[in-house]
């Protein structure tokens, strides 16, 4: 039975598509009713932008893709609208904060990242936001093309390395993995590009 609290356990939403794929239509209808009547995004606490997008928004959108039931798309749009402010906090480069709130404009960066944005996280969330924009017709202009950011990071990294003795240590296929807070300074922690 789904958790009745207003702040959903991401697994409750993330597994909606599993119910559909496994042919559990009665359970899917029950979960759909819970989404329609009890799922809300009003608990005032800090949450991970990345985890919220891939688990809750992604779960709603995959349930929509399989069932074509618009309640999942509507709830996805409601959630996305509550997160869009996070892109505005870093307007210079367009990457959202790593920790957000769905009831305020609280926006921060995890200390373990050195106050940096992790490119892999924000490259990944493009899928959900672009899918949602495609199906709703909404242009969520704060969602940027990560290819441009990644290219800028690679170029800046190469420029910085060319000005130092690190150029001799450059290894092809290793690129920046993060963008430092309030700047467009990229740094690498040996992120390999496959």
N, C-alpha and C. Protein backbone atom coordinates (compact mmCIF):
# COMPACT_ATOMS: atom_id res chain seq x y z
N UNK A 1 0.85 -1.19 0.00
CA UNK A 1 0.00 0.00 0.00
C UNK A 1 0.89 1.24 0.00
N UNK A 2 0.66 2.18 -0.92
CA UNK A 2 1.50 3.38 -0.98
C UNK A 2 1.45 4.19 0.31
N UNK A 3 2.57 4.82 0.60
CA UNK A 3 2.69 5.69 1.78
C UNK A 3 1.74 6.88 1.62
N UNK A 4 0.85 7.14 2.59
CA UNK A 4 -0.11 8.23 2.46
C UNK A 4 0.46 9.61 2.75
N UNK A 5 1.71 9.72 3.15
CA UNK A 5 2.26 11.02 3.47
C UNK A 5 2.38 11.87 2.22
N UNK A 6 2.33 13.20 2.36
CA UNK A 6 2.38 14.07 1.19
C UNK A 6 3.72 14.00 0.45
N UNK A 7 4.78 13.63 1.13
CA UNK A 7 6.08 13.53 0.48
C UNK A 7 6.28 12.08 0.09
N UNK A 8 6.18 11.76 -1.20
CA UNK A 8 6.22 10.35 -1.57
C UNK A 8 7.60 9.74 -1.43
N UNK A 9 7.59 8.47 -1.13
CA UNK A 9 8.81 7.69 -1.21
C UNK A 9 9.06 7.54 -2.71
N UNK A 10 10.24 7.95 -3.20
CA UNK A 10 10.46 7.90 -4.65
C UNK A 10 10.22 6.53 -5.26
N UNK A 11 10.40 5.47 -4.50
CA UNK A 11 10.19 4.12 -5.03
C UNK A 11 8.74 3.89 -5.42
N UNK A 12 7.81 4.53 -4.70
CA UNK A 12 6.39 4.38 -5.01
C UNK A 12 6.07 4.86 -6.42
N UNK A 13 6.73 5.92 -6.83
CA UNK A 13 6.48 6.48 -8.15
C UNK A 13 7.40 5.85 -9.19
N UNK A 14 8.61 5.59 -8.80
CA UNK A 14 9.61 5.03 -9.71
C UNK A 14 9.20 3.66 -10.23
N UNK A 15 8.41 2.91 -9.48
CA UNK A 15 8.05 1.54 -9.89
C UNK A 15 6.71 1.45 -10.60
N UNK A 16 6.07 2.57 -10.90
CA UNK A 16 4.79 2.52 -11.60
C UNK A 16 4.89 1.76 -12.92
N UNK A 17 5.96 2.01 -13.65
CA UNK A 17 6.12 1.34 -14.94
C UNK A 17 6.29 -0.17 -14.77
N UNK A 18 6.88 -0.59 -13.66
CA UNK A 18 7.03 -2.03 -13.40
C UNK A 18 5.66 -2.71 -13.31
N UNK A 19 4.73 -2.06 -12.64
CA UNK A 19 3.38 -2.63 -12.52
C UNK A 19 2.77 -2.82 -13.91
N UNK A 20 2.93 -1.82 -14.76
CA UNK A 20 2.38 -1.90 -16.11
C UNK A 20 3.06 -3.01 -16.92
N UNK A 21 4.39 -3.00 -16.90
CA UNK A 21 5.16 -3.97 -17.69
C UNK A 21 4.86 -5.40 -17.26
N UNK A 22 4.66 -5.62 -15.97
CA UNK A 22 4.38 -6.97 -15.46
C UNK A 22 2.91 -7.36 -15.59
N UNK A 23 2.12 -6.48 -16.20
CA UNK A 23 0.72 -6.81 -16.43
C UNK A 23 -0.14 -6.73 -15.19
N UNK A 24 0.32 -6.04 -14.18
CA UNK A 24 -0.43 -5.93 -12.92
C UNK A 24 -1.37 -4.72 -13.00
N UNK A 25 -2.40 -4.84 -13.87
CA UNK A 25 -3.28 -3.71 -14.16
C UNK A 25 -4.11 -3.26 -12.97
N UNK A 26 -4.57 -4.19 -12.12
CA UNK A 26 -5.35 -3.80 -10.94
C UNK A 26 -4.49 -2.96 -10.00
N UNK A 27 -3.26 -3.40 -9.76
CA UNK A 27 -2.35 -2.66 -8.89
C UNK A 27 -1.97 -1.32 -9.52
N UNK A 28 -1.82 -1.32 -10.85
CA UNK A 28 -1.50 -0.07 -11.54
C UNK A 28 -2.65 0.93 -11.39
N UNK A 29 -3.89 0.45 -11.55
CA UNK A 29 -5.05 1.35 -11.38
C UNK A 29 -5.12 1.89 -9.95
N UNK A 30 -4.80 1.06 -8.98
CA UNK A 30 -4.78 1.50 -7.58
C UNK A 30 -3.69 2.57 -7.38
N UNK A 31 -2.52 2.32 -7.95
CA UNK A 31 -1.43 3.29 -7.85
C UNK A 31 -1.79 4.57 -8.58
N UNK A 32 -2.46 4.45 -9.71
CA UNK A 32 -2.89 5.63 -10.48
C UNK A 32 -3.86 6.48 -9.65
N UNK A 33 -4.76 5.83 -8.94
CA UNK A 33 -5.70 6.55 -8.09
C UNK A 33 -4.96 7.28 -6.97
N UNK A 34 -3.95 6.64 -6.40
CA UNK A 34 -3.13 7.28 -5.37
C UNK A 34 -2.42 8.51 -5.93
N UNK A 35 -1.85 8.38 -7.12
CA UNK A 35 -1.18 9.52 -7.76
C UNK A 35 -2.18 10.65 -7.98
N UNK A 36 -3.36 10.33 -8.49
CA UNK A 36 -4.37 11.35 -8.81
C UNK A 36 -4.91 12.06 -7.57
N UNK A 37 -5.07 11.34 -6.46
CA UNK A 37 -5.75 11.92 -5.31
C UNK A 37 -4.87 12.24 -4.11
N UNK A 38 -3.71 11.58 -3.99
CA UNK A 38 -2.92 11.76 -2.77
C UNK A 38 -1.48 12.21 -2.96
N UNK A 39 -0.97 12.08 -4.16
CA UNK A 39 0.41 12.51 -4.40
C UNK A 39 0.48 14.03 -4.43
N UNK A 40 1.28 14.59 -3.54
CA UNK A 40 1.47 16.04 -3.54
C UNK A 40 2.95 16.33 -3.32
N UNK A 41 3.31 17.54 -3.64
CA UNK A 41 4.70 17.96 -3.54
C UNK A 41 4.80 19.16 -2.62
N UNK A 42 4.35 18.96 -1.37
CA UNK A 42 4.24 20.10 -0.46
C UNK A 42 4.99 19.94 0.86
N UNK A 43 5.82 18.94 0.99
CA UNK A 43 6.56 18.76 2.24
C UNK A 43 7.77 19.68 2.24
N UNK A 44 7.89 20.54 3.25
CA UNK A 44 9.00 21.50 3.29
C UNK A 44 10.30 20.89 3.81
N UNK A 45 11.02 20.26 2.93
CA UNK A 45 12.34 19.74 3.31
C UNK A 45 13.24 19.78 2.08
N UNK A 46 14.52 19.72 2.32
CA UNK A 46 15.49 19.74 1.23
C UNK A 46 15.56 18.36 0.58
N UNK A 47 15.62 18.38 -0.75
CA UNK A 47 15.67 17.14 -1.51
C UNK A 47 16.73 17.25 -2.61
N UNK A 48 17.16 16.12 -3.10
CA UNK A 48 18.11 16.08 -4.20
C UNK A 48 17.40 16.35 -5.51
N UNK A 49 17.86 17.36 -6.24
CA UNK A 49 17.28 17.67 -7.55
C UNK A 49 17.39 16.45 -8.46
N UNK A 50 18.58 15.87 -8.53
CA UNK A 50 18.84 14.73 -9.40
C UNK A 50 17.92 13.55 -9.07
N UNK A 51 17.88 13.14 -7.80
CA UNK A 51 17.07 11.99 -7.41
C UNK A 51 15.58 12.24 -7.64
N UNK A 52 15.13 13.46 -7.39
CA UNK A 52 13.73 13.79 -7.60
C UNK A 52 13.36 13.70 -9.08
N UNK A 53 14.25 14.18 -9.93
CA UNK A 53 13.98 14.12 -11.37
C UNK A 53 13.99 12.69 -11.87
N UNK A 54 15.03 11.93 -11.56
CA UNK A 54 15.10 10.59 -12.15
C UNK A 54 14.11 9.61 -11.54
N UNK A 55 13.78 9.77 -10.28
CA UNK A 55 12.89 8.80 -9.64
C UNK A 55 11.42 9.20 -9.72
N UNK A 56 11.10 10.43 -9.33
CA UNK A 56 9.69 10.82 -9.28
C UNK A 56 9.22 11.34 -10.63
N UNK A 57 9.90 12.34 -11.19
CA UNK A 57 9.48 12.83 -12.50
C UNK A 57 9.63 11.72 -13.54
N UNK A 58 10.75 11.02 -13.52
CA UNK A 58 10.95 9.92 -14.47
C UNK A 58 9.91 8.83 -14.30
N UNK A 59 9.55 8.51 -13.07
CA UNK A 59 8.52 7.49 -12.81
C UNK A 59 7.17 7.90 -13.36
N UNK A 60 6.81 9.16 -13.15
CA UNK A 60 5.53 9.66 -13.68
C UNK A 60 5.52 9.64 -15.20
N UNK A 61 6.63 10.05 -15.80
CA UNK A 61 6.67 10.12 -17.26
C UNK A 61 6.71 8.74 -17.90
N UNK A 62 7.38 7.79 -17.27
CA UNK A 62 7.38 6.43 -17.85
C UNK A 62 5.99 5.81 -17.70
N UNK A 63 5.28 6.09 -16.60
CA UNK A 63 3.91 5.59 -16.45
C UNK A 63 3.02 6.21 -17.53
N UNK A 64 3.23 7.48 -17.82
CA UNK A 64 2.46 8.11 -18.90
C UNK A 64 2.78 7.47 -20.25
N UNK A 65 4.06 7.28 -20.53
CA UNK A 65 4.46 6.70 -21.82
C UNK A 65 3.81 5.34 -22.05
N UNK A 66 3.73 4.53 -21.02
CA UNK A 66 3.16 3.19 -21.17
C UNK A 66 1.64 3.19 -21.21
N UNK A 67 1.02 3.99 -20.34
CA UNK A 67 -0.44 3.94 -20.20
C UNK A 67 -1.17 5.02 -21.00
N UNK A 68 -0.48 6.09 -21.34
CA UNK A 68 -1.07 7.26 -22.00
C UNK A 68 -2.13 7.93 -21.13
N UNK A 69 -2.11 7.69 -19.84
CA UNK A 69 -3.03 8.32 -18.90
C UNK A 69 -2.46 9.69 -18.53
N UNK A 70 -3.19 10.74 -18.86
CA UNK A 70 -2.70 12.10 -18.71
C UNK A 70 -2.48 12.53 -17.26
N UNK A 71 -3.02 11.82 -16.29
CA UNK A 71 -2.79 12.21 -14.90
C UNK A 71 -1.30 12.17 -14.58
N UNK A 72 -0.59 11.22 -15.17
CA UNK A 72 0.85 11.12 -14.91
C UNK A 72 1.60 12.28 -15.53
N UNK A 73 1.18 12.70 -16.70
CA UNK A 73 1.79 13.86 -17.36
C UNK A 73 1.48 15.14 -16.59
N UNK A 74 0.25 15.27 -16.14
CA UNK A 74 -0.16 16.45 -15.36
C UNK A 74 0.62 16.55 -14.06
N UNK A 75 0.76 15.44 -13.35
CA UNK A 75 1.54 15.45 -12.10
C UNK A 75 3.02 15.71 -12.38
N UNK A 76 3.53 15.17 -13.48
CA UNK A 76 4.91 15.44 -13.87
C UNK A 76 5.14 16.91 -14.14
N UNK A 77 4.20 17.53 -14.82
CA UNK A 77 4.31 18.96 -15.11
C UNK A 77 4.24 19.78 -13.83
N UNK A 78 3.37 19.39 -12.92
CA UNK A 78 3.26 20.07 -11.62
C UNK A 78 4.60 20.01 -10.87
N UNK A 79 5.21 18.83 -10.85
CA UNK A 79 6.49 18.67 -10.17
C UNK A 79 7.59 19.48 -10.87
N UNK A 80 7.67 19.40 -12.17
CA UNK A 80 8.69 20.13 -12.92
C UNK A 80 8.57 21.63 -12.69
N UNK A 81 7.34 22.13 -12.69
CA UNK A 81 7.14 23.57 -12.45
C UNK A 81 7.67 24.00 -11.09
N UNK A 82 7.56 23.14 -10.10
CA UNK A 82 8.06 23.46 -8.76
C UNK A 82 9.59 23.43 -8.69
N UNK A 83 10.24 22.80 -9.67
CA UNK A 83 11.70 22.70 -9.67
C UNK A 83 12.38 23.73 -10.57
N UNK A 84 11.64 24.38 -11.45
CA UNK A 84 12.26 25.23 -12.45
C UNK A 84 13.06 26.40 -11.86
N UNK A 85 12.68 26.88 -10.68
CA UNK A 85 13.42 27.99 -10.07
C UNK A 85 14.89 27.64 -9.86
N UNK A 86 15.17 26.36 -9.68
CA UNK A 86 16.55 25.94 -9.41
C UNK A 86 17.49 26.25 -10.56
N UNK A 87 16.97 26.32 -11.78
CA UNK A 87 17.79 26.67 -12.93
C UNK A 87 18.14 28.16 -12.93
N UNK A 88 17.28 28.97 -12.36
CA UNK A 88 17.49 30.42 -12.33
C UNK A 88 18.53 30.84 -11.31
N UNK A 89 18.78 30.02 -10.31
CA UNK A 89 19.74 30.37 -9.27
C UNK A 89 21.16 30.46 -9.81
N UNK A 90 21.42 29.81 -10.92
CA UNK A 90 22.76 29.80 -11.52
C UNK A 90 22.63 30.27 -12.95
N UNK A 91 21.99 31.40 -13.16
CA UNK A 91 21.64 31.84 -14.50
C UNK A 91 22.83 31.98 -15.43
N UNK A 92 24.00 32.20 -14.90
CA UNK A 92 25.18 32.37 -15.75
C UNK A 92 25.46 31.11 -16.57
N UNK A 93 25.29 29.95 -15.98
CA UNK A 93 25.57 28.72 -16.72
C UNK A 93 24.35 27.82 -16.86
N UNK A 94 23.26 28.12 -16.19
CA UNK A 94 22.02 27.38 -16.39
C UNK A 94 21.91 26.04 -15.72
N UNK A 95 22.87 25.65 -14.91
CA UNK A 95 22.76 24.37 -14.21
C UNK A 95 22.04 24.58 -12.89
N UNK A 96 21.13 23.66 -12.54
CA UNK A 96 20.38 23.85 -11.30
C UNK A 96 21.20 23.50 -10.06
N UNK A 97 20.69 23.96 -8.94
CA UNK A 97 21.28 23.61 -7.65
C UNK A 97 21.14 22.10 -7.44
N UNK A 98 21.97 21.55 -6.57
CA UNK A 98 21.90 20.11 -6.33
C UNK A 98 20.87 19.75 -5.26
N UNK A 99 20.58 20.68 -4.36
CA UNK A 99 19.61 20.45 -3.29
C UNK A 99 18.56 21.56 -3.36
N UNK A 100 17.30 21.16 -3.44
CA UNK A 100 16.22 22.13 -3.60
C UNK A 100 15.09 21.84 -2.63
N UNK A 101 14.08 22.71 -2.64
CA UNK A 101 12.85 22.51 -1.89
C UNK A 101 11.70 22.68 -2.87
N UNK A 102 10.64 21.94 -2.68
CA UNK A 102 9.48 22.07 -3.56
C UNK A 102 8.47 23.08 -3.05
N UNK A 103 8.73 23.67 -1.88
CA UNK A 103 7.80 24.65 -1.32
C UNK A 103 8.41 26.02 -1.09
N UNK A 104 9.70 26.16 -1.34
CA UNK A 104 10.35 27.46 -1.21
C UNK A 104 11.40 27.57 -2.30
N UNK A 105 12.13 28.65 -2.31
CA UNK A 105 13.18 28.80 -3.32
C UNK A 105 14.55 28.45 -2.74
N UNK A 106 14.55 27.58 -1.74
CA UNK A 106 15.80 27.12 -1.15
C UNK A 106 16.62 26.38 -2.20
N UNK A 107 17.87 26.76 -2.29
CA UNK A 107 18.71 26.22 -3.35
C UNK A 107 20.15 26.17 -2.84
N UNK A 108 20.73 24.97 -2.80
CA UNK A 108 22.10 24.87 -2.30
C UNK A 108 22.85 23.79 -3.06
N UNK A 109 24.10 23.63 -2.69
CA UNK A 109 24.98 22.68 -3.35
C UNK A 109 25.58 21.77 -2.29
N UNK A 110 25.65 20.50 -2.60
CA UNK A 110 26.16 19.53 -1.64
C UNK A 110 27.62 19.82 -1.31
N UNK A 111 27.94 19.80 -0.04
CA UNK A 111 29.32 20.09 0.37
C UNK A 111 30.30 19.04 -0.13
N UNK A 112 29.85 17.80 -0.28
CA UNK A 112 30.75 16.74 -0.73
C UNK A 112 31.24 16.95 -2.15
N UNK A 113 30.55 17.81 -2.93
CA UNK A 113 30.98 18.09 -4.30
C UNK A 113 31.94 19.27 -4.36
N UNK A 114 32.26 19.85 -3.22
CA UNK A 114 33.08 21.05 -3.23
C UNK A 114 32.30 22.23 -3.78
N UNK A 115 30.97 22.22 -3.53
CA UNK A 115 30.06 23.26 -4.02
C UNK A 115 30.04 23.33 -5.54
N UNK A 116 30.17 22.20 -6.19
CA UNK A 116 30.19 22.12 -7.65
C UNK A 116 28.99 21.36 -8.18
N UNK A 117 28.68 21.61 -9.44
CA UNK A 117 27.63 20.88 -10.14
C UNK A 117 28.28 19.70 -10.85
N UNK A 118 27.71 18.53 -10.70
CA UNK A 118 28.24 17.34 -11.34
C UNK A 118 27.61 17.20 -12.72
N UNK A 119 28.43 17.24 -13.75
CA UNK A 119 27.92 17.24 -15.12
C UNK A 119 27.07 16.01 -15.43
N UNK A 120 27.47 14.85 -14.96
CA UNK A 120 26.70 13.63 -15.26
C UNK A 120 25.27 13.74 -14.73
N UNK A 121 25.11 14.30 -13.54
CA UNK A 121 23.76 14.44 -12.98
C UNK A 121 22.90 15.33 -13.85
N UNK A 122 23.44 16.46 -14.25
CA UNK A 122 22.61 17.42 -14.96
C UNK A 122 22.53 17.14 -16.45
N UNK A 123 23.39 16.31 -16.93
CA UNK A 123 23.23 15.81 -18.28
C UNK A 123 22.10 14.81 -18.33
N UNK A 124 22.00 13.99 -17.30
CA UNK A 124 20.98 12.95 -17.22
C UNK A 124 19.58 13.53 -17.14
N UNK A 125 19.36 14.58 -16.38
CA UNK A 125 18.00 15.09 -16.19
C UNK A 125 17.43 15.74 -17.45
N UNK A 126 18.27 15.97 -18.44
CA UNK A 126 17.78 16.53 -19.70
C UNK A 126 16.71 15.63 -20.32
N UNK A 127 16.87 14.33 -20.19
CA UNK A 127 15.92 13.39 -20.77
C UNK A 127 14.50 13.67 -20.28
N UNK A 128 14.33 13.76 -18.97
CA UNK A 128 12.99 13.95 -18.41
C UNK A 128 12.41 15.32 -18.79
N UNK A 129 13.22 16.37 -18.68
CA UNK A 129 12.70 17.70 -18.99
C UNK A 129 12.37 17.85 -20.47
N UNK A 130 13.18 17.30 -21.33
CA UNK A 130 12.90 17.40 -22.77
C UNK A 130 11.70 16.54 -23.16
N UNK A 131 11.56 15.37 -22.55
CA UNK A 131 10.39 14.52 -22.79
C UNK A 131 9.13 15.27 -22.37
N UNK A 132 9.16 15.86 -21.19
CA UNK A 132 8.00 16.59 -20.68
C UNK A 132 7.67 17.77 -21.59
N UNK A 133 8.66 18.51 -22.00
CA UNK A 133 8.43 19.66 -22.89
C UNK A 133 7.83 19.19 -24.21
N UNK A 134 8.30 18.08 -24.73
CA UNK A 134 7.77 17.55 -25.99
C UNK A 134 6.29 17.21 -25.87
N UNK A 135 5.89 16.59 -24.77
CA UNK A 135 4.51 16.15 -24.63
C UNK A 135 3.57 17.23 -24.12
N UNK A 136 4.07 18.28 -23.52
CA UNK A 136 3.19 19.35 -23.02
C UNK A 136 3.21 20.57 -23.91
N UNK A 137 4.22 20.67 -24.79
CA UNK A 137 4.35 21.86 -25.63
C UNK A 137 4.96 23.02 -24.89
N UNK A 138 5.31 22.81 -23.62
CA UNK A 138 5.91 23.87 -22.81
C UNK A 138 7.39 23.99 -23.10
N UNK A 139 7.84 25.18 -23.27
CA UNK A 139 9.26 25.44 -23.42
C UNK A 139 9.81 25.80 -22.05
N UNK A 140 10.53 24.92 -21.47
CA UNK A 140 11.17 25.21 -20.18
C UNK A 140 12.56 25.72 -20.50
N UNK A 141 12.64 27.04 -20.74
CA UNK A 141 13.84 27.64 -21.30
C UNK A 141 15.06 27.57 -20.41
N UNK A 142 14.89 27.33 -19.13
CA UNK A 142 16.06 27.27 -18.24
C UNK A 142 16.81 25.94 -18.37
N UNK A 143 16.19 24.97 -19.02
CA UNK A 143 16.85 23.69 -19.22
C UNK A 143 17.76 23.85 -20.43
N UNK A 144 19.04 23.69 -20.21
CA UNK A 144 20.01 23.96 -21.26
C UNK A 144 20.49 22.68 -21.93
N UNK A 145 21.11 22.85 -23.06
CA UNK A 145 21.68 21.73 -23.78
C UNK A 145 23.04 21.41 -23.16
N UNK A 146 23.15 20.26 -22.56
CA UNK A 146 24.38 19.90 -21.86
C UNK A 146 25.56 19.73 -22.80
N UNK A 147 25.30 19.51 -24.09
CA UNK A 147 26.41 19.39 -25.03
C UNK A 147 27.22 20.68 -25.05
N UNK A 148 26.53 21.81 -25.01
CA UNK A 148 27.22 23.10 -25.02
C UNK A 148 28.06 23.29 -23.76
N UNK A 149 27.51 22.92 -22.61
CA UNK A 149 28.24 23.06 -21.36
C UNK A 149 29.45 22.13 -21.36
N UNK A 150 29.24 20.88 -21.77
CA UNK A 150 30.34 19.92 -21.79
C UNK A 150 31.44 20.38 -22.75
N UNK A 151 31.07 20.90 -23.91
CA UNK A 151 32.06 21.39 -24.87
C UNK A 151 32.84 22.56 -24.28
N UNK A 152 32.14 23.44 -23.59
CA UNK A 152 32.81 24.58 -22.97
C UNK A 152 33.79 24.11 -21.89
N UNK A 153 33.39 23.11 -21.12
CA UNK A 153 34.28 22.58 -20.08
C UNK A 153 35.52 21.94 -20.68
N UNK A 154 35.33 21.17 -21.73
CA UNK A 154 36.47 20.54 -22.37
C UNK A 154 37.41 21.61 -22.91
N UNK A 155 36.86 22.62 -23.58
CA UNK A 155 37.68 23.69 -24.13
C UNK A 155 38.42 24.44 -23.03
N UNK A 156 37.72 24.76 -21.95
CA UNK A 156 38.36 25.49 -20.85
C UNK A 156 39.43 24.65 -20.18
N UNK A 157 39.15 23.36 -20.03
CA UNK A 157 40.14 22.48 -19.41
C UNK A 157 41.39 22.41 -20.26
N UNK A 158 41.21 22.23 -21.56
CA UNK A 158 42.36 22.18 -22.46
C UNK A 158 43.14 23.49 -22.43
N UNK A 159 42.41 24.62 -22.40
CA UNK A 159 43.07 25.93 -22.33
C UNK A 159 43.88 26.05 -21.04
N UNK A 160 43.27 25.66 -19.92
CA UNK A 160 43.98 25.75 -18.64
C UNK A 160 45.20 24.83 -18.64
N UNK A 161 45.06 23.63 -19.18
CA UNK A 161 46.19 22.70 -19.22
C UNK A 161 47.29 23.19 -20.16
N UNK A 162 46.89 23.86 -21.24
CA UNK A 162 47.90 24.32 -22.19
C UNK A 162 48.78 25.41 -21.58
N UNK A 163 48.29 26.05 -20.54
CA UNK A 163 49.04 27.11 -19.88
C UNK A 163 49.87 26.58 -18.72
N UNK A 164 49.90 25.28 -18.55
CA UNK A 164 50.63 24.73 -17.42
C UNK A 164 51.44 23.51 -17.84
N UNK A 165 52.18 23.02 -16.92
CA UNK A 165 52.97 21.82 -17.20
C UNK A 165 52.09 20.57 -17.24
N UNK A 166 50.80 20.72 -16.88
CA UNK A 166 49.90 19.57 -16.91
C UNK A 166 49.65 19.08 -18.33
N UNK A 167 49.96 19.92 -19.31
CA UNK A 167 49.72 19.52 -20.70
C UNK A 167 50.44 18.21 -21.00
N UNK A 168 51.62 18.04 -20.47
CA UNK A 168 52.38 16.81 -20.71
C UNK A 168 51.67 15.59 -20.11
N UNK A 169 50.83 15.83 -19.10
CA UNK A 169 50.15 14.72 -18.43
C UNK A 169 48.74 14.48 -18.99
N UNK A 170 48.35 15.25 -20.01
CA UNK A 170 47.00 15.12 -20.57
C UNK A 170 46.80 13.73 -21.16
N UNK A 171 45.67 13.12 -20.81
CA UNK A 171 45.33 11.81 -21.33
C UNK A 171 44.08 11.94 -22.19
N UNK A 172 44.17 11.58 -23.47
CA UNK A 172 42.97 11.64 -24.32
C UNK A 172 41.83 10.83 -23.71
N UNK A 173 40.61 11.35 -23.79
CA UNK A 173 39.45 10.65 -23.25
C UNK A 173 39.10 11.00 -21.83
N UNK A 174 39.88 11.85 -21.18
CA UNK A 174 39.57 12.28 -19.82
C UNK A 174 39.11 13.73 -19.87
N UNK A 175 37.89 13.96 -19.37
CA UNK A 175 37.31 15.29 -19.44
C UNK A 175 36.81 15.73 -18.08
N UNK A 176 36.44 16.99 -18.00
CA UNK A 176 35.93 17.55 -16.75
C UNK A 176 34.68 16.82 -16.30
N UNK A 177 34.53 16.70 -14.99
CA UNK A 177 33.35 16.03 -14.45
C UNK A 177 32.47 16.99 -13.67
N UNK A 178 32.92 18.22 -13.44
CA UNK A 178 32.13 19.14 -12.61
C UNK A 178 32.36 20.57 -13.04
N UNK A 179 31.41 21.41 -12.68
CA UNK A 179 31.53 22.84 -12.87
C UNK A 179 31.45 23.47 -11.50
N UNK A 180 32.43 24.28 -11.17
CA UNK A 180 32.49 24.87 -9.84
C UNK A 180 31.43 25.95 -9.67
N UNK A 181 30.91 26.05 -8.48
CA UNK A 181 29.85 26.98 -8.12
C UNK A 181 30.21 28.42 -8.50
N UNK A 182 29.21 29.13 -9.06
CA UNK A 182 29.27 30.55 -9.42
C UNK A 182 30.27 30.87 -10.51
N UNK A 183 30.85 29.88 -11.14
CA UNK A 183 31.80 30.13 -12.21
C UNK A 183 31.59 29.10 -13.30
N UNK A 184 32.33 29.22 -14.34
CA UNK A 184 32.31 28.19 -15.37
C UNK A 184 33.68 27.55 -15.39
N UNK A 185 34.23 27.29 -14.21
CA UNK A 185 35.53 26.62 -14.11
C UNK A 185 35.26 25.13 -13.99
N UNK A 186 35.83 24.38 -14.89
CA UNK A 186 35.62 22.94 -14.91
C UNK A 186 36.83 22.27 -14.31
N UNK A 187 36.62 21.13 -13.68
CA UNK A 187 37.76 20.37 -13.20
C UNK A 187 37.50 18.90 -13.42
N UNK A 188 38.56 18.14 -13.42
CA UNK A 188 38.45 16.72 -13.72
C UNK A 188 38.82 15.88 -12.52
N UNK A 189 38.10 14.80 -12.36
CA UNK A 189 38.46 13.77 -11.40
C UNK A 189 38.56 12.47 -12.17
N UNK A 190 39.31 12.51 -13.24
CA UNK A 190 39.54 11.36 -14.10
C UNK A 190 38.25 10.71 -14.58
N UNK A 191 37.33 11.53 -15.11
CA UNK A 191 36.10 11.00 -15.66
C UNK A 191 36.38 10.54 -17.08
N UNK A 192 36.23 9.27 -17.31
CA UNK A 192 36.52 8.72 -18.62
C UNK A 192 35.29 8.81 -19.51
N UNK A 193 35.50 9.23 -20.72
CA UNK A 193 34.43 9.27 -21.71
C UNK A 193 34.51 7.98 -22.53
N UNK A 194 33.47 7.21 -22.49
CA UNK A 194 33.48 5.92 -23.21
C UNK A 194 33.29 6.13 -24.70
